[in-house]
């Protein structure tokens, strides 16, 4: 019975399965053969119902519209519409910035954000002081990392300058200035 269930699951997914085990079982089991015939018939009926052919006149009209030589003209907005839209957008942005600035100012006075920020900036120095107090020899390691950091900053600066100069083409820039 377990084999029949497995084969029927396989046939439910694909009634025309070409798996040799499924084929052999269907040849020897009448109930699974009937199950396969029923699913094959159902698949044919569903495929026939799902097939739809477009009417010839609709196809011809759509083809004529697609191949029309004159596309629909896009209306150009009037200049005052564009200026009005940009003005409204600029005022909306300015108003949003002012409201945000006011909200931050109110919150900063209420929560004393300047003192909180100063305390937050002092945390790394406090942690470093505690580390050097607990492990006095760690100052050599910290000093080494600070020197490496300084060198990496200089390397980053050199890489940025190199990248900028690598993409700079003075002849192109000179020709563009002459043509203007």
N, C-alpha and C. Protein backbone atom coordinates (compact mmCIF):
# COMPACT_ATOMS: atom_id res chain seq x y z
N UNK A 1 0.82 -1.19 0.00
CA UNK A 1 0.00 0.00 0.00
C UNK A 1 0.87 1.26 0.00
N UNK A 2 2.03 1.21 0.67
CA UNK A 2 2.93 2.35 0.70
C UNK A 2 3.44 2.66 -0.70
N UNK A 3 3.69 1.64 -1.49
CA UNK A 3 4.15 1.84 -2.86
C UNK A 3 3.06 2.50 -3.69
N UNK A 4 1.82 2.09 -3.51
CA UNK A 4 0.71 2.71 -4.25
C UNK A 4 0.59 4.19 -3.91
N UNK A 5 0.72 4.53 -2.64
CA UNK A 5 0.63 5.94 -2.24
C UNK A 5 1.76 6.76 -2.86
N UNK A 6 2.97 6.22 -2.85
CA UNK A 6 4.11 6.93 -3.43
C UNK A 6 3.91 7.12 -4.92
N UNK A 7 3.45 6.07 -5.61
CA UNK A 7 3.24 6.14 -7.06
C UNK A 7 2.11 7.12 -7.38
N UNK A 8 1.05 7.12 -6.59
CA UNK A 8 -0.06 8.05 -6.84
C UNK A 8 0.38 9.50 -6.60
N UNK A 9 1.22 9.72 -5.60
CA UNK A 9 1.77 11.07 -5.41
C UNK A 9 2.57 11.50 -6.63
N UNK A 10 3.37 10.59 -7.16
CA UNK A 10 4.16 10.88 -8.36
C UNK A 10 3.25 11.14 -9.55
N UNK A 11 2.20 10.34 -9.70
CA UNK A 11 1.27 10.51 -10.83
C UNK A 11 0.44 11.79 -10.69
N UNK A 12 0.15 12.20 -9.46
CA UNK A 12 -0.62 13.44 -9.27
C UNK A 12 0.19 14.63 -9.75
N UNK A 13 1.52 14.57 -9.59
CA UNK A 13 2.38 15.66 -10.06
C UNK A 13 2.61 15.58 -11.56
N UNK A 14 2.81 14.36 -12.06
CA UNK A 14 3.10 14.18 -13.48
C UNK A 14 2.48 12.87 -13.97
N UNK A 15 1.26 12.92 -14.55
CA UNK A 15 0.60 11.69 -14.99
C UNK A 15 1.35 10.98 -16.11
N UNK A 16 2.22 11.67 -16.82
CA UNK A 16 2.97 11.03 -17.91
C UNK A 16 4.40 10.72 -17.46
N UNK A 17 4.57 10.42 -16.18
CA UNK A 17 5.90 10.15 -15.62
C UNK A 17 6.58 9.00 -16.35
N UNK A 18 7.85 9.17 -16.65
CA UNK A 18 8.61 8.13 -17.35
C UNK A 18 9.56 7.40 -16.40
N UNK A 19 9.33 7.53 -15.11
CA UNK A 19 10.14 6.81 -14.13
C UNK A 19 9.90 5.31 -14.29
N UNK A 20 10.95 4.50 -14.44
CA UNK A 20 10.76 3.06 -14.66
C UNK A 20 10.05 2.36 -13.50
N UNK A 21 10.29 2.78 -12.27
CA UNK A 21 9.61 2.15 -11.13
C UNK A 21 8.11 2.43 -11.18
N UNK A 22 7.76 3.68 -11.54
CA UNK A 22 6.35 4.04 -11.64
C UNK A 22 5.70 3.28 -12.78
N UNK A 23 6.37 3.19 -13.92
CA UNK A 23 5.84 2.46 -15.08
C UNK A 23 5.59 0.99 -14.73
N UNK A 24 6.54 0.37 -14.06
CA UNK A 24 6.42 -1.04 -13.70
C UNK A 24 5.26 -1.25 -12.74
N UNK A 25 5.12 -0.35 -11.75
CA UNK A 25 4.03 -0.49 -10.78
C UNK A 25 2.68 -0.29 -11.46
N UNK A 26 2.56 0.70 -12.34
CA UNK A 26 1.28 0.97 -13.01
C UNK A 26 0.87 -0.20 -13.91
N UNK A 27 1.84 -0.86 -14.50
CA UNK A 27 1.53 -2.02 -15.35
C UNK A 27 0.99 -3.19 -14.54
N UNK A 28 1.39 -3.28 -13.27
CA UNK A 28 0.99 -4.43 -12.43
C UNK A 28 -0.12 -4.11 -11.45
N UNK A 29 -0.52 -2.83 -11.31
CA UNK A 29 -1.54 -2.45 -10.34
C UNK A 29 -2.70 -1.80 -11.09
N UNK A 30 -3.86 -2.44 -11.06
CA UNK A 30 -5.03 -1.94 -11.80
C UNK A 30 -5.55 -0.63 -11.21
N UNK A 31 -5.54 -0.48 -9.90
CA UNK A 31 -6.08 0.75 -9.29
C UNK A 31 -5.18 1.95 -9.61
N UNK A 32 -3.84 1.75 -9.65
CA UNK A 32 -2.94 2.85 -9.99
C UNK A 32 -3.04 3.18 -11.49
N UNK A 33 -3.30 2.17 -12.33
CA UNK A 33 -3.49 2.41 -13.75
C UNK A 33 -4.74 3.26 -13.97
N UNK A 34 -5.82 2.95 -13.24
CA UNK A 34 -7.05 3.74 -13.36
C UNK A 34 -6.81 5.16 -12.85
N UNK A 35 -6.04 5.29 -11.78
CA UNK A 35 -5.69 6.61 -11.24
C UNK A 35 -4.92 7.42 -12.27
N UNK A 36 -4.00 6.77 -12.98
CA UNK A 36 -3.22 7.46 -14.02
C UNK A 36 -4.12 7.91 -15.17
N UNK A 37 -5.04 7.04 -15.62
CA UNK A 37 -5.94 7.39 -16.71
C UNK A 37 -6.81 8.59 -16.32
N UNK A 38 -7.29 8.59 -15.09
CA UNK A 38 -8.15 9.70 -14.64
C UNK A 38 -7.36 11.02 -14.63
N UNK A 39 -6.13 10.99 -14.15
CA UNK A 39 -5.34 12.22 -14.12
C UNK A 39 -4.91 12.66 -15.51
N UNK A 40 -4.65 11.72 -16.40
CA UNK A 40 -4.30 12.07 -17.77
C UNK A 40 -5.49 12.73 -18.46
N UNK A 41 -6.67 12.19 -18.25
CA UNK A 41 -7.88 12.77 -18.83
C UNK A 41 -8.13 14.17 -18.26
N UNK A 42 -7.95 14.32 -16.96
CA UNK A 42 -8.13 15.62 -16.32
C UNK A 42 -7.13 16.63 -16.88
N UNK A 43 -5.89 16.24 -17.08
CA UNK A 43 -4.89 17.15 -17.64
C UNK A 43 -5.27 17.60 -19.04
N UNK A 44 -5.77 16.68 -19.87
CA UNK A 44 -6.17 17.04 -21.23
C UNK A 44 -7.33 18.04 -21.21
N UNK A 45 -8.31 17.81 -20.35
CA UNK A 45 -9.47 18.69 -20.27
C UNK A 45 -9.04 20.09 -19.80
N UNK A 46 -8.17 20.14 -18.79
CA UNK A 46 -7.72 21.44 -18.28
C UNK A 46 -6.92 22.19 -19.34
N UNK A 47 -6.05 21.47 -20.06
CA UNK A 47 -5.27 22.11 -21.12
C UNK A 47 -6.18 22.64 -22.22
N UNK A 48 -7.21 21.89 -22.58
CA UNK A 48 -8.13 22.35 -23.62
C UNK A 48 -8.92 23.57 -23.16
N UNK A 49 -9.29 23.62 -21.88
CA UNK A 49 -10.05 24.76 -21.37
C UNK A 49 -9.19 26.01 -21.22
N UNK A 50 -7.92 25.82 -20.95
CA UNK A 50 -7.05 26.97 -20.74
C UNK A 50 -6.52 27.57 -22.04
N UNK A 51 -6.69 26.88 -23.14
CA UNK A 51 -6.22 27.41 -24.42
C UNK A 51 -7.20 28.46 -24.91
N UNK A 52 -6.67 29.61 -25.29
CA UNK A 52 -7.49 30.71 -25.77
C UNK A 52 -6.81 31.30 -26.98
N UNK A 53 -7.58 31.47 -28.03
CA UNK A 53 -7.04 32.08 -29.24
C UNK A 53 -7.67 33.46 -29.40
N UNK A 54 -6.82 34.42 -29.74
CA UNK A 54 -7.27 35.79 -29.90
C UNK A 54 -8.05 35.90 -31.21
N UNK A 55 -9.16 36.64 -31.18
CA UNK A 55 -9.90 36.86 -32.43
C UNK A 55 -9.03 37.60 -33.44
N UNK A 56 -9.21 37.29 -34.69
CA UNK A 56 -8.36 37.85 -35.74
C UNK A 56 -8.48 39.38 -35.82
N UNK A 57 -9.69 39.91 -35.67
CA UNK A 57 -9.85 41.37 -35.79
C UNK A 57 -9.17 42.09 -34.62
N UNK A 58 -9.21 41.53 -33.42
CA UNK A 58 -8.52 42.14 -32.29
C UNK A 58 -7.01 42.10 -32.50
N UNK A 59 -6.53 40.99 -33.00
CA UNK A 59 -5.10 40.88 -33.28
C UNK A 59 -4.67 41.90 -34.33
N UNK A 60 -5.47 42.08 -35.36
CA UNK A 60 -5.13 43.04 -36.41
C UNK A 60 -5.15 44.48 -35.87
N UNK A 61 -6.13 44.81 -35.04
CA UNK A 61 -6.18 46.17 -34.48
C UNK A 61 -5.00 46.45 -33.57
N UNK A 62 -4.64 45.48 -32.73
CA UNK A 62 -3.49 45.67 -31.84
C UNK A 62 -2.20 45.81 -32.64
N UNK A 63 -2.07 45.03 -33.69
CA UNK A 63 -0.88 45.12 -34.53
C UNK A 63 -0.82 46.46 -35.24
N UNK A 64 -1.94 46.97 -35.69
CA UNK A 64 -1.99 48.28 -36.34
C UNK A 64 -1.60 49.38 -35.36
N UNK A 65 -2.09 49.28 -34.15
CA UNK A 65 -1.75 50.29 -33.14
C UNK A 65 -0.26 50.25 -32.80
N UNK A 66 0.30 49.04 -32.72
CA UNK A 66 1.72 48.91 -32.36
C UNK A 66 2.63 49.41 -33.48
N UNK A 67 2.21 49.24 -34.72
CA UNK A 67 3.05 49.61 -35.85
C UNK A 67 2.73 50.99 -36.40
N UNK A 68 1.86 51.72 -35.72
CA UNK A 68 1.50 53.06 -36.20
C UNK A 68 2.75 53.92 -36.26
N UNK A 69 2.88 54.69 -37.35
CA UNK A 69 4.09 55.49 -37.54
C UNK A 69 4.11 56.73 -36.67
N UNK A 70 2.97 57.23 -36.25
CA UNK A 70 2.95 58.43 -35.42
C UNK A 70 2.55 58.03 -34.01
N UNK A 71 3.48 58.11 -33.08
CA UNK A 71 3.13 57.78 -31.69
C UNK A 71 2.26 58.89 -31.11
N UNK A 72 1.62 58.57 -30.02
CA UNK A 72 0.78 59.56 -29.37
C UNK A 72 1.66 60.70 -28.87
N UNK A 73 1.32 61.94 -29.19
CA UNK A 73 2.15 63.06 -28.75
C UNK A 73 2.04 63.25 -27.24
N UNK A 74 3.18 63.42 -26.61
CA UNK A 74 3.21 63.68 -25.18
C UNK A 74 3.02 65.17 -24.96
N UNK A 75 2.04 65.56 -24.19
CA UNK A 75 1.83 67.00 -23.96
C UNK A 75 2.97 67.56 -23.11
N UNK A 76 3.46 68.71 -23.50
CA UNK A 76 4.53 69.37 -22.76
C UNK A 76 3.92 70.22 -21.65
N UNK A 77 4.46 70.10 -20.45
CA UNK A 77 3.89 70.93 -19.37
C UNK A 77 4.22 72.40 -19.60
N UNK A 78 3.33 73.23 -19.16
CA UNK A 78 3.57 74.66 -19.29
C UNK A 78 4.65 75.08 -18.31
N UNK A 79 5.36 76.14 -18.64
CA UNK A 79 6.49 76.57 -17.83
C UNK A 79 6.07 76.91 -16.40
N UNK A 80 4.92 77.55 -16.24
CA UNK A 80 4.50 77.94 -14.91
C UNK A 80 4.14 76.73 -14.06
N UNK A 81 3.71 75.60 -14.71
CA UNK A 81 3.44 74.38 -13.96
C UNK A 81 4.73 73.84 -13.35
N UNK A 82 5.79 73.84 -14.14
CA UNK A 82 7.07 73.33 -13.69
C UNK A 82 7.62 74.21 -12.57
N UNK A 83 7.56 75.53 -12.77
CA UNK A 83 8.05 76.45 -11.74
C UNK A 83 7.25 76.29 -10.46
N UNK A 84 5.95 76.15 -10.57
CA UNK A 84 5.11 75.98 -9.40
C UNK A 84 5.45 74.68 -8.66
N UNK A 85 5.65 73.61 -9.41
CA UNK A 85 5.98 72.33 -8.78
C UNK A 85 7.32 72.41 -8.05
N UNK A 86 8.33 73.03 -8.68
CA UNK A 86 9.63 73.17 -8.01
C UNK A 86 9.53 74.10 -6.79
N UNK A 87 8.74 75.15 -6.89
CA UNK A 87 8.59 76.07 -5.76
C UNK A 87 7.92 75.37 -4.58
N UNK A 88 6.86 74.63 -4.86
CA UNK A 88 6.17 73.89 -3.79
C UNK A 88 7.11 72.87 -3.17
N UNK A 89 7.88 72.17 -3.99
CA UNK A 89 8.83 71.18 -3.46
C UNK A 89 9.89 71.86 -2.60
N UNK A 90 10.41 73.00 -3.03
CA UNK A 90 11.43 73.71 -2.25
C UNK A 90 10.86 74.19 -0.92
N UNK A 91 9.64 74.76 -0.94
CA UNK A 91 9.02 75.22 0.31
C UNK A 91 8.71 74.05 1.24
N UNK A 92 8.28 72.92 0.67
CA UNK A 92 8.01 71.74 1.49
C UNK A 92 9.29 71.24 2.16
N UNK A 93 10.37 71.23 1.41
CA UNK A 93 11.65 70.80 1.95
C UNK A 93 12.11 71.76 3.04
N UNK A 94 12.02 73.04 2.79
CA UNK A 94 12.42 74.05 3.77
C UNK A 94 11.57 73.93 5.04
N UNK A 95 10.26 73.78 4.89
CA UNK A 95 9.38 73.64 6.03
C UNK A 95 9.70 72.38 6.83
N UNK A 96 9.99 71.28 6.13
CA UNK A 96 10.36 70.04 6.82
C UNK A 96 11.64 70.21 7.60
N UNK A 97 12.62 70.90 7.01
CA UNK A 97 13.88 71.14 7.72
C UNK A 97 13.66 72.02 8.95
N UNK A 98 12.83 73.04 8.83
CA UNK A 98 12.55 73.91 9.97
C UNK A 98 11.83 73.16 11.09
N UNK A 99 10.87 72.33 10.75
CA UNK A 99 10.17 71.55 11.76
C UNK A 99 11.13 70.58 12.43
N UNK A 100 11.98 69.93 11.63
CA UNK A 100 12.98 69.02 12.20
C UNK A 100 13.95 69.75 13.11
N UNK A 101 14.41 70.93 12.69
CA UNK A 101 15.33 71.74 13.50
C UNK A 101 14.67 72.13 14.82
N UNK A 102 13.42 72.53 14.77
CA UNK A 102 12.70 72.91 15.98
C UNK A 102 12.55 71.71 16.92
N UNK A 103 12.21 70.54 16.35
CA UNK A 103 12.04 69.35 17.18
C UNK A 103 13.35 68.94 17.83
N UNK A 104 14.44 68.99 17.10
CA UNK A 104 15.75 68.65 17.67
C UNK A 104 16.13 69.65 18.73
N UNK A 105 15.87 70.93 18.51
CA UNK A 105 16.18 71.94 19.52
C UNK A 105 15.39 71.71 20.79
N UNK A 106 14.11 71.39 20.66
CA UNK A 106 13.29 71.11 21.84
C UNK A 106 13.77 69.88 22.58
N UNK A 107 14.08 68.83 21.85
CA UNK A 107 14.58 67.61 22.49
C UNK A 107 15.93 67.83 23.14
N UNK A 108 16.80 68.61 22.50
CA UNK A 108 18.13 68.83 23.06
C UNK A 108 18.06 69.62 24.36
N UNK A 109 17.13 70.57 24.46
CA UNK A 109 17.00 71.31 25.72
C UNK A 109 16.34 70.45 26.79
N UNK A 110 15.42 69.61 26.39
CA UNK A 110 14.72 68.78 27.36
C UNK A 110 15.62 67.69 27.93
N UNK A 111 16.41 67.05 27.06
CA UNK A 111 17.26 65.94 27.50
C UNK A 111 18.71 66.34 27.69
N UNK A 112 19.04 67.61 27.54
CA UNK A 112 20.41 68.11 27.68
C UNK A 112 21.36 67.28 26.81
N UNK A 113 21.08 67.28 25.51
CA UNK A 113 21.85 66.46 24.58
C UNK A 113 23.31 66.86 24.50
N UNK A 114 23.64 68.12 24.75
CA UNK A 114 25.05 68.52 24.69
C UNK A 114 25.85 67.82 25.78
N UNK A 115 25.30 67.73 26.98
CA UNK A 115 25.99 67.03 28.05
C UNK A 115 26.06 65.53 27.77
N UNK A 116 24.99 64.99 27.21
CA UNK A 116 24.99 63.56 26.85
C UNK A 116 26.03 63.27 25.78
N UNK A 117 26.14 64.15 24.80
CA UNK A 117 27.11 63.96 23.72
C UNK A 117 28.54 64.09 24.25
N UNK A 118 28.77 65.04 25.15
CA UNK A 118 30.10 65.22 25.74
C UNK A 118 30.48 63.99 26.56
N UNK A 119 29.52 63.44 27.30
CA UNK A 119 29.79 62.23 28.08
C UNK A 119 30.09 61.05 27.16
N UNK A 120 29.38 60.98 26.06
CA UNK A 120 29.61 59.90 25.10
C UNK A 120 30.98 60.02 24.45
N UNK A 121 31.40 61.25 24.17
CA UNK A 121 32.72 61.45 23.56
C UNK A 121 33.85 61.16 24.56
N UNK A 122 33.57 61.28 25.86
CA UNK A 122 34.58 61.03 26.88
C UNK A 122 34.74 59.55 27.19
N UNK A 123 33.78 58.72 26.78
CA UNK A 123 33.84 57.29 27.09
C UNK A 123 35.11 56.60 26.58
N UNK A 124 35.56 56.81 25.34
CA UNK A 124 36.78 56.12 24.90
C UNK A 124 38.00 56.49 25.74
N UNK A 125 38.12 57.76 26.12
CA UNK A 125 39.27 58.16 26.94
C UNK A 125 39.18 57.55 28.33
N UNK A 126 37.99 57.44 28.88
CA UNK A 126 37.83 56.81 30.19
C UNK A 126 38.18 55.33 30.11
N UNK A 127 37.75 54.66 29.04
CA UNK A 127 38.07 53.25 28.87
C UNK A 127 39.57 53.05 28.71
N UNK A 128 40.23 53.94 27.96
CA UNK A 128 41.68 53.85 27.78
C UNK A 128 42.40 54.09 29.10
N UNK A 129 41.93 55.03 29.92
CA UNK A 129 42.55 55.30 31.22
C UNK A 129 42.39 54.10 32.14
N UNK A 130 41.22 53.47 32.12
CA UNK A 130 41.01 52.28 32.95
C UNK A 130 41.89 51.13 32.48
N UNK A 131 42.05 50.98 31.15
CA UNK A 131 42.90 49.92 30.62
C UNK A 131 44.35 50.12 31.03
N UNK A 132 44.85 51.34 30.90
CA UNK A 132 46.26 51.58 31.26
C UNK A 132 46.46 51.51 32.77
N UNK A 133 45.42 51.78 33.55
CA UNK A 133 45.54 51.64 34.99
C UNK A 133 45.56 50.16 35.38
N UNK A 134 44.72 49.35 34.74
CA UNK A 134 44.68 47.93 35.07
C UNK A 134 45.88 47.18 34.49
N UNK A 135 46.26 47.53 33.27
CA UNK A 135 47.40 46.88 32.60
C UNK A 135 48.35 47.97 32.11
N UNK A 136 49.34 48.35 32.92
CA UNK A 136 50.21 49.46 32.54
C UNK A 136 50.99 49.23 31.25
N UNK A 137 51.31 47.99 30.92
CA UNK A 137 52.09 47.70 29.72
C UNK A 137 51.24 47.82 28.44
N UNK A 138 49.93 47.95 28.59
CA UNK A 138 49.06 48.05 27.41
C UNK A 138 49.25 49.37 26.67
N UNK A 139 49.86 50.36 27.32
CA UNK A 139 50.05 51.65 26.65
C UNK A 139 50.97 51.51 25.43
N UNK A 140 51.89 50.52 25.46
CA UNK A 140 52.76 50.29 24.30
C UNK A 140 51.94 49.75 23.13
N UNK A 141 51.02 48.86 23.42
CA UNK A 141 50.16 48.32 22.36
C UNK A 141 49.25 49.40 21.79
N UNK A 142 48.68 50.24 22.65
CA UNK A 142 47.81 51.33 22.19
C UNK A 142 48.61 52.31 21.34
N UNK A 143 49.82 52.63 21.78
CA UNK A 143 50.68 53.54 21.02
C UNK A 143 50.99 52.96 19.64
N UNK A 144 51.25 51.65 19.59
CA UNK A 144 51.52 50.99 18.31
C UNK A 144 50.31 51.09 17.38
N UNK A 145 49.11 50.82 17.90
CA UNK A 145 47.91 50.90 17.07
C UNK A 145 47.64 52.33 16.60
N UNK A 146 47.94 53.32 17.42
CA UNK A 146 47.75 54.70 17.00
C UNK A 146 48.71 55.07 15.87
N UNK A 147 49.95 54.59 15.96
CA UNK A 147 50.91 54.85 14.87
C UNK A 147 50.48 54.15 13.59
N UNK A 148 50.01 52.90 13.70
CA UNK A 148 49.53 52.18 12.52
C UNK A 148 48.33 52.92 11.92
N UNK A 149 47.43 53.42 12.78
CA UNK A 149 46.26 54.15 12.29
C UNK A 149 46.69 55.40 11.52
N UNK A 150 47.68 56.10 12.03
CA UNK A 150 48.17 57.30 11.35
C UNK A 150 48.72 56.95 9.97
N UNK A 151 49.48 55.87 9.89
CA UNK A 151 50.02 55.45 8.60
C UNK A 151 48.91 55.02 7.63
N UNK A 152 47.89 54.35 8.16
CA UNK A 152 46.77 53.93 7.30
C UNK A 152 45.98 55.14 6.79
N UNK A 153 45.86 56.17 7.59
CA UNK A 153 45.18 57.39 7.14
C UNK A 153 45.95 58.02 5.99
N UNK A 154 47.28 58.07 6.11
CA UNK A 154 48.10 58.63 5.02
C UNK A 154 47.99 57.77 3.77
N UNK A 155 47.98 56.44 3.93
CA UNK A 155 47.83 55.56 2.76
C UNK A 155 46.47 55.76 2.09
N UNK A 156 45.44 55.96 2.90
CA UNK A 156 44.12 56.22 2.34
C UNK A 156 44.11 57.53 1.56
N UNK A 157 44.76 58.56 2.09
CA UNK A 157 44.86 59.84 1.39
C UNK A 157 45.59 59.68 0.07
N UNK A 158 46.68 58.93 0.07
CA UNK A 158 47.43 58.69 -1.17
C UNK A 158 46.56 57.93 -2.17
N UNK A 159 45.83 56.92 -1.69
CA UNK A 159 44.96 56.14 -2.59
C UNK A 159 43.87 57.02 -3.20
N UNK A 160 43.30 57.92 -2.42
CA UNK A 160 42.27 58.81 -2.96
C UNK A 160 42.83 59.77 -4.00
N UNK A 161 43.98 60.34 -3.72
CA UNK A 161 44.60 61.25 -4.69
C UNK A 161 44.96 60.49 -5.96
N UNK A 162 45.49 59.29 -5.80
CA UNK A 162 45.86 58.48 -6.96
C UNK A 162 44.61 58.16 -7.79
N UNK A 163 43.53 57.80 -7.13
CA UNK A 163 42.30 57.47 -7.86
C UNK A 163 41.77 58.70 -8.60
N UNK A 164 41.86 59.87 -7.99
CA UNK A 164 41.39 61.07 -8.67
C UNK A 164 42.26 61.40 -9.87
N UNK A 165 43.59 61.28 -9.72
CA UNK A 165 44.48 61.61 -10.83
C UNK A 165 44.45 60.55 -11.92
N UNK A 166 44.15 59.32 -11.55
CA UNK A 166 44.09 58.24 -12.53
C UNK A 166 42.93 58.45 -13.50
N UNK A 167 41.83 59.03 -13.02
CA UNK A 167 40.67 59.25 -13.89
C UNK A 167 40.64 60.64 -14.51
N UNK A 168 41.62 61.44 -14.24
CA UNK A 168 41.67 62.79 -14.78
C UNK A 168 42.33 62.75 -16.15
N UNK A 169 41.69 63.32 -17.14
CA UNK A 169 42.21 63.34 -18.50
C UNK A 169 42.39 64.80 -18.92
N UNK A 170 43.62 65.37 -18.80
CA UNK A 170 43.77 66.80 -19.07
C UNK A 170 43.55 67.17 -20.53
N UNK A 171 43.86 66.28 -21.48
CA UNK A 171 43.65 66.64 -22.89
C UNK A 171 42.16 66.80 -23.19
N UNK A 172 41.34 65.90 -22.62
CA UNK A 172 39.91 65.99 -22.84
C UNK A 172 39.37 67.29 -22.24
N UNK A 173 39.81 67.62 -21.06
CA UNK A 173 39.36 68.85 -20.40
C UNK A 173 39.80 70.06 -21.20
N UNK A 174 41.02 70.06 -21.72
CA UNK A 174 41.52 71.19 -22.49
C UNK A 174 40.73 71.35 -23.78
N UNK A 175 40.44 70.24 -24.48
CA UNK A 175 39.67 70.32 -25.73
C UNK A 175 38.26 70.84 -25.47
N UNK A 176 37.68 70.42 -24.38
CA UNK A 176 36.33 70.86 -24.07
C UNK A 176 36.31 72.36 -23.81
N UNK A 177 37.34 72.90 -23.17
CA UNK A 177 37.39 74.34 -22.91
C UNK A 177 37.60 75.11 -24.22
N UNK A 178 38.38 74.55 -25.14
CA UNK A 178 38.60 75.24 -26.42
C UNK A 178 37.32 75.28 -27.24
N UNK A 179 36.52 74.19 -27.18
CA UNK A 179 35.30 74.12 -27.98
C UNK A 179 34.21 75.03 -27.45
N UNK A 180 34.28 75.42 -26.19
CA UNK A 180 33.22 76.23 -25.59
C UNK A 180 33.27 77.67 -25.98
